[in-house]
Amino acid sequence: MADKDETRDWDQLRSALEALETRLQKVTVDMERSMIADYVQLLNRPRSLIWRNLLAGTARGVGIAIGFTFFAATILYVLQMLGALNLPIIGDYIADIVKIVQNQLEGKSY
């Protein structure tokens, strides 16, 4: 009788250990997939982190500048086209805006 109880205890312990091993393997795979080791390694090298952030910020700034340039050029082009239509109220307002912008670009004060 004692042998059966002891065998059952060992079987329960073995199944619990197998379940634990399976769970640990799943956690290991999840951690590798999330690349936590790479992130920790990056945090341990501050120069690399600063360099990457500097490059990312510069790229973001250049992208914003280029995007704003295209946006502003498009708006000015549309305003010039609307100004050419000679609309009574809007045309004068747009003409004033275009003159101010052109004077600023030429370096003149208005």
PDB file of N, CA and C in Angstrom:
ATOM      1  N   MET A   1       0.815  -1.185   0.000  1.00  0.00           N
ATOM      2  CA  MET A   1       0.000   0.000   0.000  1.00  0.00           C
ATOM      3  C   MET A   1       0.862   1.254   0.000  1.00  0.00           C
ATOM      4  N   ALA A   2       1.917   1.239   0.770  1.00  0.00           N
ATOM      5  CA  ALA A   2       2.813   2.388   0.843  1.00  0.00           C
ATOM      6  C   ALA A   2       3.505   2.594  -0.483  1.00  0.00           C
ATOM      7  N   ASP A   3       3.785   1.469  -1.206  1.00  0.00           N
ATOM      8  CA  ASP A   3       4.442   1.581  -2.509  1.00  0.00           C
ATOM      9  C   ASP A   3       3.551   2.285  -3.518  1.00  0.00           C
ATOM     10  N   LYS A   4       2.239   2.031  -3.479  1.00  0.00           N
ATOM     11  CA  LYS A   4       1.312   2.659  -4.411  1.00  0.00           C
ATOM     12  C   LYS A   4       1.212   4.159  -4.139  1.00  0.00           C
ATOM     13  N   ASP A   5       1.122   4.523  -2.863  1.00  0.00           N
ATOM     14  CA  ASP A   5       1.057   5.947  -2.510  1.00  0.00           C
ATOM     15  C   ASP A   5       2.337   6.673  -2.929  1.00  0.00           C
ATOM     16  N   GLU A   6       3.471   6.007  -2.698  1.00  0.00           N
ATOM     17  CA  GLU A   6       4.750   6.615  -3.053  1.00  0.00           C
ATOM     18  C   GLU A   6       4.881   6.756  -4.572  1.00  0.00           C
ATOM     19  N   THR A   7       4.417   5.786  -5.318  1.00  0.00           N
ATOM     20  CA  THR A   7       4.462   5.821  -6.778  1.00  0.00           C
ATOM     21  C   THR A   7       3.555   6.932  -7.307  1.00  0.00           C
ATOM     22  N   ARG A   8       2.372   7.063  -6.695  1.00  0.00           N
ATOM     23  CA  ARG A   8       1.434   8.103  -7.100  1.00  0.00           C
ATOM     24  C   ARG A   8       2.029   9.484  -6.819  1.00  0.00           C
ATOM     25  N   ASP A   9       2.686   9.656  -5.667  1.00  0.00           N
ATOM     26  CA  ASP A   9       3.328  10.934  -5.341  1.00  0.00           C
ATOM     27  C   ASP A   9       4.407  11.280  -6.360  1.00  0.00           C
ATOM     28  N   TRP A  10       5.198  10.251  -6.732  1.00  0.00           N
ATOM     29  CA  TRP A  10       6.251  10.496  -7.719  1.00  0.00           C
ATOM     30  C   TRP A  10       5.654  10.839  -9.079  1.00  0.00           C
ATOM     31  N   ASP A  11       4.566  10.193  -9.446  1.00  0.00           N
ATOM     32  CA  ASP A  11       3.900  10.488 -10.722  1.00  0.00           C
ATOM     33  C   ASP A  11       3.344  11.910 -10.733  1.00  0.00           C
ATOM     34  N   GLN A  12       2.750  12.332  -9.615  1.00  0.00           N
ATOM     35  CA  GLN A  12       2.232  13.702  -9.511  1.00  0.00           C
ATOM     36  C   GLN A  12       3.367  14.723  -9.580  1.00  0.00           C
ATOM     37  N   LEU A  13       4.457  14.417  -8.906  1.00  0.00           N
ATOM     38  CA  LEU A  13       5.613  15.304  -8.923  1.00  0.00           C
ATOM     39  C   LEU A  13       6.194  15.391 -10.327  1.00  0.00           C
ATOM     40  N   ARG A  14       6.284  14.244 -11.016  1.00  0.00           N
ATOM     41  CA  ARG A  14       6.817  14.216 -12.373  1.00  0.00           C
ATOM     42  C   ARG A  14       5.923  15.027 -13.312  1.00  0.00           C
ATOM     43  N   SER A  15       4.607  14.878 -13.201  1.00  0.00           N
ATOM     44  CA  SER A  15       3.693  15.617 -14.077  1.00  0.00           C
ATOM     45  C   SER A  15       3.742  17.117 -13.763  1.00  0.00           C
ATOM     46  N   ALA A  16       3.893  17.466 -12.489  1.00  0.00           N
ATOM     47  CA  ALA A  16       4.011  18.878 -12.122  1.00  0.00           C
ATOM     48  C   ALA A  16       5.297  19.471 -12.686  1.00  0.00           C
ATOM     49  N   LEU A  17       6.384  18.713 -12.626  1.00  0.00           N
ATOM     50  CA  LEU A  17       7.662  19.187 -13.170  1.00  0.00           C
ATOM     51  C   LEU A  17       7.602  19.316 -14.691  1.00  0.00           C
ATOM     52  N   GLU A  18       6.922  18.387 -15.347  1.00  0.00           N
ATOM     53  CA  GLU A  18       6.767  18.479 -16.796  1.00  0.00           C
ATOM     54  C   GLU A  18       5.939  19.698 -17.185  1.00  0.00           C
ATOM     55  N   ALA A  19       4.876  19.968 -16.432  1.00  0.00           N
ATOM     56  CA  ALA A  19       4.062  21.156 -16.690  1.00  0.00           C
ATOM     57  C   ALA A  19       4.884  22.428 -16.469  1.00  0.00           C
ATOM     58  N   LEU A  20       5.703  22.432 -15.422  1.00  0.00           N
ATOM     59  CA  LEU A  20       6.565  23.573 -15.148  1.00  0.00           C
ATOM     60  C   LEU A  20       7.588  23.773 -16.263  1.00  0.00           C
ATOM     61  N   GLU A  21       8.156  22.679 -16.749  1.00  0.00           N
ATOM     62  CA  GLU A  21       9.131  22.765 -17.838  1.00  0.00           C
ATOM     63  C   GLU A  21       8.474  23.313 -19.107  1.00  0.00           C
ATOM     64  N   THR A  22       7.282  22.842 -19.402  1.00  0.00           N
ATOM     65  CA  THR A  22       6.560  23.327 -20.579  1.00  0.00           C
ATOM     66  C   THR A  22       6.284  24.826 -20.469  1.00  0.00           C
ATOM     67  N   ARG A  23       5.874  25.239 -19.287  1.00  0.00           N
ATOM     68  CA  ARG A  23       5.578  26.658 -19.073  1.00  0.00           C
ATOM     69  C   ARG A  23       6.844  27.514 -19.176  1.00  0.00           C
ATOM     70  N   LEU A  24       7.956  27.022 -18.626  1.00  0.00           N
ATOM     71  CA  LEU A  24       9.221  27.749 -18.720  1.00  0.00           C
ATOM     72  C   LEU A  24       9.685  27.869 -20.168  1.00  0.00           C
ATOM     73  N   GLN A  25       9.493  26.817 -20.942  1.00  0.00           N
ATOM     74  CA  GLN A  25       9.858  26.880 -22.351  1.00  0.00           C
ATOM     75  C   GLN A  25       9.017  27.918 -23.090  1.00  0.00           C
ATOM     76  N   LYS A  26       7.731  27.990 -22.758  1.00  0.00           N
ATOM     77  CA  LYS A  26       6.852  28.985 -23.375  1.00  0.00           C
ATOM     78  C   LYS A  26       7.284  30.402 -22.994  1.00  0.00           C
ATOM     79  N   VAL A  27       7.627  30.609 -21.724  1.00  0.00           N
ATOM     80  CA  VAL A  27       8.093  31.926 -21.277  1.00  0.00           C
ATOM     81  C   VAL A  27       9.398  32.294 -21.986  1.00  0.00           C
ATOM     82  N   THR A  28      10.297  31.336 -22.146  1.00  0.00           N
ATOM     83  CA  THR A  28      11.566  31.572 -22.831  1.00  0.00           C
ATOM     84  C   THR A  28      11.336  31.986 -24.278  1.00  0.00           C
ATOM     85  N   VAL A  29      10.457  31.279 -24.952  1.00  0.00           N
ATOM     86  CA  VAL A  29      10.157  31.607 -26.346  1.00  0.00           C
ATOM     87  C   VAL A  29       9.529  32.995 -26.441  1.00  0.00           C
ATOM     88  N   ASP A  30       8.620  33.316 -25.532  1.00  0.00           N
ATOM     89  CA  ASP A  30       7.989  34.643 -25.535  1.00  0.00           C
ATOM     90  C   ASP A  30       9.002  35.748 -25.285  1.00  0.00           C
ATOM     91  N   MET A  31       9.936  35.523 -24.365  1.00  0.00           N
ATOM     92  CA  MET A  31      10.954  36.545 -24.087  1.00  0.00           C
ATOM     93  C   MET A  31      11.889  36.724 -25.279  1.00  0.00           C
ATOM     94  N   GLU A  32      12.254  35.633 -25.945  1.00  0.00           N
ATOM     95  CA  GLU A  32      13.096  35.748 -27.126  1.00  0.00           C
ATOM     96  C   GLU A  32      12.365  36.475 -28.240  1.00  0.00           C
ATOM     97  N   ARG A  33      11.081  36.222 -28.371  1.00  0.00           N
ATOM     98  CA  ARG A  33      10.284  36.874 -29.403  1.00  0.00           C
ATOM     99  C   ARG A  33      10.159  38.374 -29.138  1.00  0.00           C
ATOM    100  N   SER A  34      10.092  38.759 -27.873  1.00  0.00           N
ATOM    101  CA  SER A  34       9.955  40.179 -27.546  1.00  0.00           C
ATOM    102  C   SER A  34      11.294  40.913 -27.568  1.00  0.00           C
ATOM    103  N   MET A  35      12.382  40.201 -27.764  1.00  0.00           N
ATOM    104  CA  MET A  35      13.736  40.752 -27.868  1.00  0.00           C
ATOM    105  C   MET A  35      14.097  41.612 -26.661  1.00  0.00           C
ATOM    106  N   ILE A  36      13.742  41.162 -25.504  1.00  0.00           N
ATOM    107  CA  ILE A  36      14.045  41.886 -24.264  1.00  0.00           C
ATOM    108  C   ILE A  36      15.542  41.937 -24.018  1.00  0.00           C
ATOM    109  N   ALA A  37      16.270  40.899 -24.435  1.00  0.00           N
ATOM    110  CA  ALA A  37      17.725  40.879 -24.234  1.00  0.00           C
ATOM    111  C   ALA A  37      18.391  41.983 -25.048  1.00  0.00           C
ATOM    112  N   ASP A  38      17.913  42.201 -26.281  1.00  0.00           N
ATOM    113  CA  ASP A  38      18.468  43.275 -27.107  1.00  0.00           C
ATOM    114  C   ASP A  38      18.195  44.633 -26.480  1.00  0.00           C
ATOM    115  N   TYR A  39      17.006  44.806 -25.929  1.00  0.00           N
ATOM    116  CA  TYR A  39      16.658  46.079 -25.293  1.00  0.00           C
ATOM    117  C   TYR A  39      17.535  46.332 -24.060  1.00  0.00           C
ATOM    118  N   VAL A  40      17.729  45.321 -23.258  1.00  0.00           N
ATOM    119  CA  VAL A  40      18.584  45.464 -22.064  1.00  0.00           C
ATOM    120  C   VAL A  40      20.016  45.753 -22.478  1.00  0.00           C
ATOM    121  N   GLN A  41      20.485  45.077 -23.520  1.00  0.00           N
ATOM    122  CA  GLN A  41      21.839  45.312 -24.007  1.00  0.00           C
ATOM    123  C   GLN A  41      21.975  46.749 -24.521  1.00  0.00           C
ATOM    124  N   LEU A  42      20.958  47.264 -25.189  1.00  0.00           N
ATOM    125  CA  LEU A  42      20.984  48.651 -25.663  1.00  0.00           C
ATOM    126  C   LEU A  42      21.013  49.627 -24.494  1.00  0.00           C
ATOM    127  N   LEU A  43      20.268  49.335 -23.442  1.00  0.00           N
ATOM    128  CA  LEU A  43      20.266  50.214 -22.272  1.00  0.00           C
ATOM    129  C   LEU A  43      21.610  50.215 -21.552  1.00  0.00           C
ATOM    130  N   ASN A  44      22.339  49.132 -21.660  1.00  0.00           N
ATOM    131  CA  ASN A  44      23.645  49.046 -21.022  1.00  0.00           C
ATOM    132  C   ASN A  44      24.734  49.745 -21.825  1.00  0.00           C
ATOM    133  N   ARG A  45      24.423  50.186 -23.047  1.00  0.00           N
ATOM    134  CA  ARG A  45      25.384  50.935 -23.868  1.00  0.00           C
ATOM    135  C   ARG A  45      24.806  52.316 -24.157  1.00  0.00           C
ATOM    136  N   PRO A  46      25.008  53.284 -23.267  1.00  0.00           N
ATOM    137  CA  PRO A  46      24.377  54.594 -23.433  1.00  0.00           C
ATOM    138  C   PRO A  46      24.828  55.339 -24.690  1.00  0.00           C
ATOM    139  N   ARG A  47      26.072  55.169 -25.109  1.00  0.00           N
ATOM    140  CA  ARG A  47      26.534  55.866 -26.324  1.00  0.00           C
ATOM    141  C   ARG A  47      25.753  55.402 -27.544  1.00  0.00           C
ATOM    142  N   SER A  48      25.517  54.112 -27.639  1.00  0.00           N
ATOM    143  CA  SER A  48      24.744  53.575 -28.755  1.00  0.00           C
ATOM    144  C   SER A  48      23.300  54.081 -28.709  1.00  0.00           C
ATOM    145  N   LEU A  49      22.742  54.136 -27.514  1.00  0.00           N
ATOM    146  CA  LEU A  49      21.373  54.629 -27.359  1.00  0.00           C
ATOM    147  C   LEU A  49      21.276  56.096 -27.755  1.00  0.00           C
ATOM    148  N   ILE A  50      22.243  56.905 -27.314  1.00  0.00           N
ATOM    149  CA  ILE A  50      22.242  58.336 -27.661  1.00  0.00           C
ATOM    150  C   ILE A  50      22.408  58.505 -29.167  1.00  0.00           C
ATOM    151  N   TRP A  51      23.321  57.751 -29.771  1.00  0.00           N
ATOM    152  CA  TRP A  51      23.558  57.851 -31.208  1.00  0.00           C
ATOM    153  C   TRP A  51      22.294  57.484 -31.996  1.00  0.00           C
ATOM    154  N   ARG A  52      21.622  56.413 -31.616  1.00  0.00           N
ATOM    155  CA  ARG A  52      20.394  56.016 -32.311  1.00  0.00           C
ATOM    156  C   ARG A  52      19.295  57.062 -32.156  1.00  0.00           C
ATOM    157  N   ASN A  53      19.161  57.615 -30.954  1.00  0.00           N
ATOM    158  CA  ASN A  53      18.143  58.653 -30.740  1.00  0.00           C
ATOM    159  C   ASN A  53      18.476  59.918 -31.519  1.00  0.00           C
ATOM    160  N   LEU A  54      19.762  60.260 -31.622  1.00  0.00           N
ATOM    161  CA  LEU A  54      20.175  61.433 -32.391  1.00  0.00           C
ATOM    162  C   LEU A  54      19.838  61.249 -33.868  1.00  0.00           C
ATOM    163  N   LEU A  55      20.146  60.083 -34.406  1.00  0.00           N
ATOM    164  CA  LEU A  55      19.819  59.813 -35.810  1.00  0.00           C
ATOM    165  C   LEU A  55      18.310  59.814 -36.049  1.00  0.00           C
ATOM    166  N   ALA A  56      17.574  59.217 -35.137  1.00  0.00           N
ATOM    167  CA  ALA A  56      16.112  59.176 -35.294  1.00  0.00           C
ATOM    168  C   ALA A  56      15.521  60.579 -35.227  1.00  0.00           C
ATOM    169  N   GLY A  57      16.006  61.396 -34.306  1.00  0.00           N
ATOM    170  CA  GLY A  57      15.516  62.773 -34.193  1.00  0.00           C
ATOM    171  C   GLY A  57      15.854  63.604 -35.408  1.00  0.00           C
ATOM    172  N   THR A  58      17.065  63.424 -35.934  1.00  0.00           N
ATOM    173  CA  THR A  58      17.467  64.164 -37.138  1.00  0.00           C
ATOM    174  C   THR A  58      16.601  63.757 -38.325  1.00  0.00           C
ATOM    175  N   ALA A  59      16.399  62.469 -38.497  1.00  0.00           N
ATOM    176  CA  ALA A  59      15.558  61.989 -39.602  1.00  0.00           C
ATOM    177  C   ALA A  59      14.129  62.504 -39.457  1.00  0.00           C
ATOM    178  N   ARG A  60      13.620  62.503 -38.251  1.00  0.00           N
ATOM    179  CA  ARG A  60      12.260  63.000 -38.013  1.00  0.00           C
ATOM    180  C   ARG A  60      12.172  64.498 -38.330  1.00  0.00           C
ATOM    181  N   GLY A  61      13.184  65.252 -37.920  1.00  0.00           N
ATOM    182  CA  GLY A  61      13.199  66.691 -38.183  1.00  0.00           C
ATOM    183  C   GLY A  61      13.283  67.003 -39.667  1.00  0.00           C
ATOM    184  N   VAL A  62      14.132  66.271 -40.383  1.00  0.00           N
ATOM    185  CA  VAL A  62      14.241  66.482 -41.832  1.00  0.00           C
ATOM    186  C   VAL A  62      12.926  66.115 -42.520  1.00  0.00           C
ATOM    187  N   GLY A  63      12.318  65.048 -42.091  1.00  0.00           N
ATOM    188  CA  GLY A  63      11.038  64.647 -42.670  1.00  0.00           C
ATOM    189  C   GLY A  63       9.950  65.678 -42.444  1.00  0.00           C
ATOM    190  N   ILE A  64       9.913  66.240 -41.248  1.00  0.00           N
ATOM    191  CA  ILE A  64       8.921  67.288 -40.949  1.00  0.00           C
ATOM    192  C   ILE A  64       9.184  68.517 -41.803  1.00  0.00           C
ATOM    193  N   ALA A  65      10.464  68.900 -41.951  1.00  0.00           N
ATOM    194  CA  ALA A  65      10.800  70.081 -42.748  1.00  0.00           C
ATOM    195  C   ALA A  65      10.408  69.890 -44.208  1.00  0.00           C
ATOM    196  N   ILE A  66      10.702  68.727 -44.756  1.00  0.00           N
ATOM    197  CA  ILE A  66      10.348  68.467 -46.156  1.00  0.00           C
ATOM    198  C   ILE A  66       8.835  68.433 -46.318  1.00  0.00           C
ATOM    199  N   GLY A  67       8.148  67.767 -45.409  1.00  0.00           N
ATOM    200  CA  GLY A  67       6.690  67.704 -45.487  1.00  0.00           C
ATOM    201  C   GLY A  67       6.043  69.076 -45.379  1.00  0.00           C
ATOM    202  N   PHE A  68       6.532  69.909 -44.450  1.00  0.00           N
ATOM    203  CA  PHE A  68       5.972  71.248 -44.303  1.00  0.00           C
ATOM    204  C   PHE A  68       6.250  72.097 -45.540  1.00  0.00           C
ATOM    205  N   THR A  69       7.425  71.916 -46.144  1.00  0.00           N
ATOM    206  CA  THR A  69       7.756  72.674 -47.358  1.00  0.00           C
ATOM    207  C   THR A  69       6.780  72.339 -48.480  1.00  0.00           C
ATOM    208  N   PHE A  70       6.530  71.048 -48.685  1.00  0.00           N
ATOM    209  CA  PHE A  70       5.573  70.664 -49.722  1.00  0.00           C
ATOM    210  C   PHE A  70       4.167  71.173 -49.404  1.00  0.00           C
ATOM    211  N   PHE A  71       3.787  71.075 -48.147  1.00  0.00           N
ATOM    212  CA  PHE A  71       2.457  71.550 -47.743  1.00  0.00           C
ATOM    213  C   PHE A  71       2.318  73.053 -47.969  1.00  0.00           C
ATOM    214  N   ALA A  72       3.315  73.822 -47.533  1.00  0.00           N
ATOM    215  CA  ALA A  72       3.256  75.282 -47.693  1.00  0.00           C
ATOM    216  C   ALA A  72       3.282  75.665 -49.164  1.00  0.00           C
ATOM    217  N   ALA A  73       4.091  74.980 -49.962  1.00  0.00           N
ATOM    218  CA  ALA A  73       4.146  75.284 -51.398  1.00  0.00           C
ATOM    219  C   ALA A  73       2.809  74.997 -52.058  1.00  0.00           C
ATOM    220  N   THR A  74       2.179  73.923 -51.667  1.00  0.00           N
ATOM    221  CA  THR A  74       0.864  73.592 -52.231  1.00  0.00           C
ATOM    222  C   THR A  74      -0.169  74.634 -51.848  1.00  0.00           C
ATOM    223  N   ILE A  75      -0.155  75.044 -50.597  1.00  0.00           N
ATOM    224  CA  ILE A  75      -1.111  76.066 -50.144  1.00  0.00           C
ATOM    225  C   ILE A  75      -0.884  77.381 -50.885  1.00  0.00           C
ATOM    226  N   LEU A  76       0.383  77.797 -51.024  1.00  0.00           N
ATOM    227  CA  LEU A  76       0.674  79.035 -51.754  1.00  0.00           C
ATOM    228  C   LEU A  76       0.255  78.937 -53.212  1.00  0.00           C
ATOM    229  N   TYR A  77       0.471  77.788 -53.818  1.00  0.00           N
ATOM    230  CA  TYR A  77       0.060  77.601 -55.203  1.00  0.00           C
ATOM    231  C   TYR A  77      -1.461  77.723 -55.336  1.00  0.00           C
ATOM    232  N   VAL A  78      -2.194  77.089 -54.435  1.00  0.00           N
ATOM    233  CA  VAL A  78      -3.660  77.169 -54.468  1.00  0.00           C
ATOM    234  C   VAL A  78      -4.115  78.608 -54.229  1.00  0.00           C
ATOM    235  N   LEU A  79      -3.467  79.294 -53.310  1.00  0.00           N
ATOM    236  CA  LEU A  79      -3.835  80.690 -53.057  1.00  0.00           C
ATOM    237  C   LEU A  79      -3.567  81.568 -54.278  1.00  0.00           C
ATOM    238  N   GLN A  80      -2.465  81.331 -54.974  1.00  0.00           N
ATOM    239  CA  GLN A  80      -2.186  82.103 -56.184  1.00  0.00           C
ATOM    240  C   GLN A  80      -3.222  81.815 -57.260  1.00  0.00           C
ATOM    241  N   MET A  81      -3.619  80.555 -57.368  1.00  0.00           N
ATOM    242  CA  MET A  81      -4.643  80.209 -58.357  1.00  0.00           C
ATOM    243  C   MET A  81      -5.976  80.875 -58.007  1.00  0.00           C
ATOM    244  N   LEU A  82      -6.322  80.901 -56.722  1.00  0.00           N
ATOM    245  CA  LEU A  82      -7.559  81.568 -56.309  1.00  0.00           C
ATOM    246  C   LEU A  82      -7.457  83.080 -56.506  1.00  0.00           C
ATOM    247  N   GLY A  83      -6.277  83.629 -56.307  1.00  0.00           N
ATOM    248  CA  GLY A  83      -6.077  85.059 -56.522  1.00  0.00           C
ATOM    249  C   GLY A  83      -6.216  85.435 -57.977  1.00  0.00           C
ATOM    250  N   ALA A  84      -5.867  84.541 -58.873  1.00  0.00           N
ATOM    251  CA  ALA A  84      -5.974  84.802 -60.307  1.00  0.00           C
ATOM    252  C   ALA A  84      -7.425  84.794 -60.775  1.00  0.00           C
ATOM    253  N   LEU A  85      -8.315  84.229 -59.985  1.00  0.00           N
ATOM    254  CA  LEU A  85      -9.734  84.178 -60.364  1.00  0.00           C
ATOM    255  C   LEU A  85     -10.449  85.513 -60.159  1.00  0.00           C
ATOM    256  N   ASN A  86      -9.797  86.437 -59.468  1.00  0.00           N
ATOM    257  CA  ASN A  86     -10.367  87.761 -59.185  1.00  0.00           C
ATOM    258  C   ASN A  86     -11.712  87.678 -58.472  1.00  0.00           C
ATOM    259  N   LEU A  87     -11.794  86.867 -57.456  1.00  0.00           N
ATOM    260  CA  LEU A  87     -12.999  86.819 -56.637  1.00  0.00           C
ATOM    261  C   LEU A  87     -13.041  88.102 -55.811  1.00  0.00           C
ATOM    262  N   PRO A  88     -14.194  88.708 -55.641  1.00  0.00           N
ATOM    263  CA  PRO A  88     -14.273  90.046 -55.050  1.00  0.00           C
ATOM    264  C   PRO A  88     -13.624  90.182 -53.665  1.00  0.00           C
ATOM    265  N   ILE A  89     -14.058  89.422 -52.696  1.00  0.00           N
ATOM    266  CA  ILE A  89     -13.550  89.597 -51.336  1.00  0.00           C
ATOM    267  C   ILE A  89     -12.339  88.705 -51.111  1.00  0.00           C
ATOM    268  N   ILE A  90     -12.441  87.465 -51.505  1.00  0.00           N
ATOM    269  CA  ILE A  90     -11.377  86.495 -51.262  1.00  0.00           C
ATOM    270  C   ILE A  90     -10.136  86.837 -52.085  1.00  0.00           C
ATOM    271  N   GLY A  91     -10.330  87.332 -53.305  1.00  0.00           N
ATOM    272  CA  GLY A  91      -9.203  87.650 -54.181  1.00  0.00           C
ATOM    273  C   GLY A  91      -8.284  88.710 -53.581  1.00  0.00           C
ATOM    274  N   ASP A  92      -8.870  89.780 -53.009  1.00  0.00           N
ATOM    275  CA  ASP A  92      -8.043  90.830 -52.403  1.00  0.00           C
ATOM    276  C   ASP A  92      -7.290  90.301 -51.185  1.00  0.00           C
ATOM    277  N   TYR A  93      -7.950  89.530 -50.388  1.00  0.00           N
ATOM    278  CA  TYR A  93      -7.322  88.963 -49.192  1.00  0.00           C
ATOM    279  C   TYR A  93      -6.166  88.040 -49.575  1.00  0.00           C
ATOM    280  N   ILE A  94      -6.411  87.185 -50.549  1.00  0.00           N
ATOM    281  CA  ILE A  94      -5.372  86.256 -50.991  1.00  0.00           C
ATOM    282  C   ILE A  94      -4.216  87.008 -51.643  1.00  0.00           C
ATOM    283  N   ALA A  95      -4.524  88.037 -52.416  1.00  0.00           N
ATOM    284  CA  ALA A  95      -3.468  88.829 -53.052  1.00  0.00           C
ATOM    285  C   ALA A  95      -2.577  89.476 -51.995  1.00  0.00           C
ATOM    286  N   ASP A  96      -3.178  89.965 -50.928  1.00  0.00           N
ATOM    287  CA  ASP A  96      -2.385  90.552 -49.842  1.00  0.00           C
ATOM    288  C   ASP A  96      -1.475  89.503 -49.197  1.00  0.00           C
ATOM    289  N   ILE A  97      -2.005  88.329 -48.971  1.00  0.00           N
ATOM    290  CA  ILE A  97      -1.197  87.255 -48.365  1.00  0.00           C
ATOM    291  C   ILE A  97      -0.035  86.883 -49.274  1.00  0.00           C
ATOM    292  N   VAL A  98      -0.307  86.755 -50.585  1.00  0.00           N
ATOM    293  CA  VAL A  98       0.742  86.382 -51.533  1.00  0.00           C
ATOM    294  C   VAL A  98       1.810  87.473 -51.588  1.00  0.00           C
ATOM    295  N   LYS A  99       1.411  88.736 -51.563  1.00  0.00           N
ATOM    296  CA  LYS A  99       2.379  89.841 -51.581  1.00  0.00           C
ATOM    297  C   LYS A  99       3.260  89.814 -50.329  1.00  0.00           C
ATOM    298  N   ILE A 100       2.652  89.558 -49.184  1.00  0.00           N
ATOM    299  CA  ILE A 100       3.416  89.505 -47.931  1.00  0.00           C
ATOM    300  C   ILE A 100       4.436  88.371 -47.983  1.00  0.00           C
ATOM    301  N   VAL A 101       4.014  87.215 -48.448  1.00  0.00           N
ATOM    302  CA  VAL A 101       4.917  86.065 -48.521  1.00  0.00           C
ATOM    303  C   VAL A 101       6.045  86.327 -49.515  1.00  0.00           C
ATOM    304  N   GLN A 102       5.715  86.895 -50.678  1.00  0.00           N
ATOM    305  CA  GLN A 102       6.753  87.184 -51.674  1.00  0.00           C
ATOM    306  C   GLN A 102       7.739  88.233 -51.156  1.00  0.00           C
ATOM    307  N   ASN A 103       7.238  89.230 -50.446  1.00  0.00           N
ATOM    308  CA  ASN A 103       8.145  90.229 -49.863  1.00  0.00           C
ATOM    309  C   ASN A 103       9.057  89.618 -48.817  1.00  0.00           C
ATOM    310  N   GLN A 104       8.524  88.708 -48.027  1.00  0.00           N
ATOM    311  CA  GLN A 104       9.343  88.029 -47.015  1.00  0.00           C
ATOM    312  C   GLN A 104      10.434  87.185 -47.689  1.00  0.00           C
ATOM    313  N   LEU A 105      10.062  86.518 -48.777  1.00  0.00           N
ATOM    314  CA  LEU A 105      11.035  85.692 -49.487  1.00  0.00           C
ATOM    315  C   LEU A 105      12.130  86.538 -50.133  1.00  0.00           C
ATOM    316  N   GLU A 106      11.798  87.730 -50.573  1.00  0.00           N
ATOM    317  CA  GLU A 106      12.781  88.632 -51.189  1.00  0.00           C
ATOM    318  C   GLU A 106      13.570  89.388 -50.138  1.00  0.00           C
ATOM    319  N   GLY A 107      13.152  89.355 -48.914  1.00  0.00           N
ATOM    320  CA  GLY A 107      13.867  90.030 -47.831  1.00  0.00           C
ATOM    321  C   GLY A 107      13.430  91.462 -47.628  1.00  0.00           C
ATOM    322  N   LYS A 108      12.363  91.863 -48.275  1.00  0.00           N
ATOM    323  CA  LYS A 108      11.863  93.236 -48.126  1.00  0.00           C
ATOM    324  C   LYS A 108      10.891  93.304 -46.960  1.00  0.00           C
ATOM    325  N   SER A 109      10.834  94.459 -46.341  1.00  0.00           N
ATOM    326  CA  SER A 109       9.809  94.663 -45.317  1.00  0.00           C
ATOM    327  C   SER A 109       8.649  95.372 -45.983  1.00  0.00           C
ATOM    328  N   TYR A 110       7.458  95.097 -45.545  1.00  0.00           N
ATOM    329  CA  TYR A 110       6.272  95.670 -46.191  1.00  0.00           C
ATOM    330  C   TYR A 110       5.694  96.800 -45.423  1.00  0.00           C
TER     331      TYR A 110
END
